[in-house]
C-alpha atoms as a PDB file:
ATOM      1  CA  MET A   1      68.867 -34.822  10.326  1.00  0.00           C
ATOM      2  CA  THR A   2      68.387 -38.469  11.238  1.00  0.00           C
ATOM      3  CA  LYS A   3      67.340 -41.500   9.190  1.00  0.00           C
ATOM      4  CA  THR A   4      63.783 -41.154  10.511  1.00  0.00           C
ATOM      5  CA  GLU A   5      63.602 -37.560   9.378  1.00  0.00           C
ATOM      6  CA  ASP A   6      63.400 -36.531   5.721  1.00  0.00           C
ATOM      7  CA  ASN A   7      62.522 -32.888   5.133  1.00  0.00           C
ATOM      8  CA  HIS A   8      60.553 -33.840   2.036  1.00  0.00           C
ATOM      9  CA  SER A   9      58.180 -36.057   4.000  1.00  0.00           C
ATOM     10  CA  LEU A  10      57.701 -33.712   6.952  1.00  0.00           C
ATOM     11  CA  PRO A  11      54.471 -31.734   6.976  1.00  0.00           C
ATOM     12  CA  THR A  12      54.731 -27.946   7.026  1.00  0.00           C
ATOM     13  CA  SER A  13      51.558 -27.709   9.102  1.00  0.00           C
ATOM     14  CA  VAL A  14      49.744 -29.953  11.559  1.00  0.00           C
ATOM     15  CA  ILE A  15      45.995 -29.917  12.173  1.00  0.00           C
ATOM     16  CA  LEU A  16      44.892 -31.091  15.619  1.00  0.00           C
ATOM     17  CA  ASN A  17      41.833 -33.259  15.017  1.00  0.00           C
ATOM     18  CA  GLY A  18      41.568 -35.403  18.121  1.00  0.00           C
ATOM     19  CA  GLN A  19      43.583 -38.263  16.644  1.00  0.00           C
ATOM     20  CA  ALA A  20      47.082 -39.310  17.655  1.00  0.00           C
ATOM     21  CA  LEU A  21      49.911 -37.368  16.063  1.00  0.00           C
ATOM     22  CA  THR A  22      52.398 -39.234  13.911  1.00  0.00           C
ATOM     23  CA  VAL A  23      56.105 -39.203  14.706  1.00  0.00           C
ATOM     24  CA  LEU A  24      56.711 -37.110  11.598  1.00  0.00           C
ATOM     25  CA  GLU A  25      54.137 -34.538  12.713  1.00  0.00           C
ATOM     26  CA  VAL A  26      55.792 -34.258  16.136  1.00  0.00           C
ATOM     27  CA  LEU A  27      59.232 -33.918  14.547  1.00  0.00           C
ATOM     28  CA  ALA A  28      57.961 -31.293  12.108  1.00  0.00           C
ATOM     29  CA  VAL A  29      56.643 -29.159  14.959  1.00  0.00           C
ATOM     30  CA  ALA A  30      59.497 -29.767  17.426  1.00  0.00           C
ATOM     31  CA  ARG A  31      62.420 -29.400  15.020  1.00  0.00           C
ATOM     32  CA  HIS A  32      61.137 -27.490  12.012  1.00  0.00           C
ATOM     33  CA  TYR A  33      58.519 -25.211  13.566  1.00  0.00           C
ATOM     34  CA  ALA A  34      55.626 -26.501  11.475  1.00  0.00           C
ATOM     35  CA  SER A  35      52.505 -24.472  12.124  1.00  0.00           C
ATOM     36  CA  VAL A  36      49.807 -26.010  14.313  1.00  0.00           C
ATOM     37  CA  ALA A  37      46.081 -25.342  13.977  1.00  0.00           C
ATOM     38  CA  LEU A  38      42.957 -26.636  15.620  1.00  0.00           C
ATOM     39  CA  GLY A  39      40.675 -28.541  13.238  1.00  0.00           C
ATOM     40  CA  ALA A  40      37.047 -27.453  12.832  1.00  0.00           C
ATOM     41  CA  ASP A  41      35.657 -30.704  14.283  1.00  0.00           C
ATOM     42  CA  SER A  42      37.956 -30.411  17.288  1.00  0.00           C
ATOM     43  CA  LEU A  43      36.792 -26.871  17.912  1.00  0.00           C
ATOM     44  CA  LYS A  44      33.146 -28.000  17.760  1.00  0.00           C
ATOM     45  CA  ARG A  45      33.827 -30.761  20.303  1.00  0.00           C
ATOM     46  CA  ILE A  46      35.688 -28.353  22.596  1.00  0.00           C
ATOM     47  CA  LEU A  47      32.842 -25.835  22.472  1.00  0.00           C
ATOM     48  CA  ALA A  48      30.257 -28.566  23.145  1.00  0.00           C
ATOM     49  CA  ALA A  49      32.245 -29.820  26.147  1.00  0.00           C
ATOM     50  CA  ARG A  50      32.635 -26.255  27.402  1.00  0.00           C
ATOM     51  CA  ALA A  51      28.856 -25.742  27.190  1.00  0.00           C
ATOM     52  CA  VAL A  52      28.279 -28.826  29.361  1.00  0.00           C
ATOM     53  CA  ILE A  53      30.790 -27.634  31.961  1.00  0.00           C
ATOM     54  CA  ASP A  54      29.373 -24.098  31.966  1.00  0.00           C
ATOM     55  CA  LYS A  55      25.858 -25.482  32.483  1.00  0.00           C
ATOM     56  CA  LEU A  56      26.960 -27.671  35.385  1.00  0.00           C
ATOM     57  CA  ALA A  57      28.833 -24.783  36.989  1.00  0.00           C
ATOM     58  CA  ASP A  58      25.892 -22.397  36.537  1.00  0.00           C
ATOM     59  CA  GLU A  59      23.560 -24.948  38.132  1.00  0.00           C
ATOM     60  CA  GLU A  60      26.049 -25.219  41.019  1.00  0.00           C
ATOM     61  CA  LYS A  61      26.160 -29.007  40.667  1.00  0.00           C
ATOM     62  CA  LYS A  62      28.890 -30.852  42.548  1.00  0.00           C
ATOM     63  CA  VAL A  63      31.338 -31.984  39.853  1.00  0.00           C
ATOM     64  CA  TYR A  64      34.786 -33.264  40.802  1.00  0.00           C
ATOM     65  CA  GLY A  65      37.506 -30.859  39.667  1.00  0.00           C
ATOM     66  CA  VAL A  66      34.996 -28.443  38.166  1.00  0.00           C
ATOM     67  CA  THR A  67      33.102 -27.159  41.201  1.00  0.00           C
ATOM     68  CA  THR A  68      35.181 -29.004  43.816  1.00  0.00           C
ATOM     69  CA  GLY A  69      38.841 -29.276  44.622  1.00  0.00           C
ATOM     70  CA  PHE A  70      41.011 -32.242  43.626  1.00  0.00           C
ATOM     71  CA  GLY A  71      42.208 -35.275  45.581  1.00  0.00           C
ATOM     72  CA  HIS A  72      41.805 -34.844  49.322  1.00  0.00           C
ATOM     73  CA  LEU A  73      40.120 -31.478  48.622  1.00  0.00           C
ATOM     74  CA  SER A  74      37.405 -33.101  46.515  1.00  0.00           C
ATOM     75  CA  ARG A  75      34.831 -32.424  49.227  1.00  0.00           C
ATOM     76  CA  VAL A  76      35.606 -28.710  49.217  1.00  0.00           C
ATOM     77  CA  ARG A  77      33.169 -26.680  47.119  1.00  0.00           C
ATOM     78  CA  ILE A  78      34.788 -23.938  45.095  1.00  0.00           C
ATOM     79  CA  PRO A  79      32.903 -20.618  45.004  1.00  0.00           C
ATOM     80  CA  HIS A  80      31.504 -19.793  41.560  1.00  0.00           C
ATOM     81  CA  ASP A  81      33.688 -16.699  41.239  1.00  0.00           C
ATOM     82  CA  GLN A  82      36.832 -18.852  41.721  1.00  0.00           C
ATOM     83  CA  LEU A  83      36.084 -21.602  39.172  1.00  0.00           C
ATOM     84  CA  VAL A  84      38.171 -20.017  36.418  1.00  0.00           C
ATOM     85  CA  ASP A  85      41.109 -19.699  38.815  1.00  0.00           C
ATOM     86  CA  LEU A  86      40.720 -23.377  39.752  1.00  0.00           C
ATOM     87  CA  GLN A  87      41.046 -24.466  36.120  1.00  0.00           C
ATOM     88  CA  GLN A  88      43.944 -22.101  35.412  1.00  0.00           C
ATOM     89  CA  ASN A  89      45.780 -23.407  38.461  1.00  0.00           C
ATOM     90  CA  LEU A  90      45.157 -26.979  37.315  1.00  0.00           C
ATOM     91  CA  LEU A  91      46.772 -26.201  33.946  1.00  0.00           C
ATOM     92  CA  ARG A  92      49.691 -24.487  35.650  1.00  0.00           C
ATOM     93  CA  SER A  93      50.290 -27.428  37.963  1.00  0.00           C
ATOM     94  CA  HIS A  94      50.228 -29.904  35.084  1.00  0.00           C
ATOM     95  CA  ALA A  95      52.494 -27.727  32.939  1.00  0.00           C
ATOM     96  CA  ALA A  96      55.027 -27.502  35.770  1.00  0.00           C
ATOM     97  CA  GLY A  97      54.799 -31.169  36.752  1.00  0.00           C
ATOM     98  CA  VAL A  98      57.145 -32.538  34.077  1.00  0.00           C
ATOM     99  CA  GLY A  99      59.111 -35.617  35.101  1.00  0.00           C
ATOM    100  CA  GLU A 100      62.243 -37.323  33.847  1.00  0.00           C
ATOM    101  CA  THR A 101      60.548 -39.337  31.076  1.00  0.00           C
ATOM    102  CA  LEU A 102      59.394 -36.230  29.242  1.00  0.00           C
ATOM    103  CA  LYS A 103      62.827 -34.675  29.498  1.00  0.00           C
ATOM    104  CA  TYR A 104      64.334 -37.629  27.605  1.00  0.00           C
ATOM    105  CA  ILE A 105      61.656 -37.400  24.936  1.00  0.00           C
ATOM    106  CA  LEU A 106      62.261 -33.680  24.524  1.00  0.00           C
ATOM    107  CA  LEU A 107      66.000 -34.243  24.250  1.00  0.00           C
ATOM    108  CA  PHE A 108      65.374 -36.783  21.483  1.00  0.00           C
ATOM    109  CA  LEU A 109      63.003 -34.473  19.627  1.00  0.00           C
ATOM    110  CA  LEU A 110      65.045 -31.325  19.972  1.00  0.00           C
ATOM    111  CA  ALA A 111      68.541 -32.779  19.634  1.00  0.00           C
ATOM    112  CA  ASP A 112      70.398 -31.836  16.493  1.00  0.00           C
ATOM    113  CA  GLN A 113      71.675 -35.237  15.421  1.00  0.00           C
END
């Protein structure tokens, strides 16, 4: 345990509410496996955003990254039956695209000092 980490001040659970996480919340999750839950207001905002995207997709509107490809493929329309795959592939590419900076942060958070 480091000077910045006191088990008595670490939360045992973290609610994601759309606001920035504190350092103690990140430490609690990364080092002490604090539970994480989605707050009710966050869920409402996610569902509202999803409804907008679903409506745009159903209307077959041209929306960058939703009904089209990304970057140089932004002019390519994605067939309606492939829109879910497009979004899943986007998440996969971002999850796999971790650079050096994040590695150092993870080492700091996960290191047993």
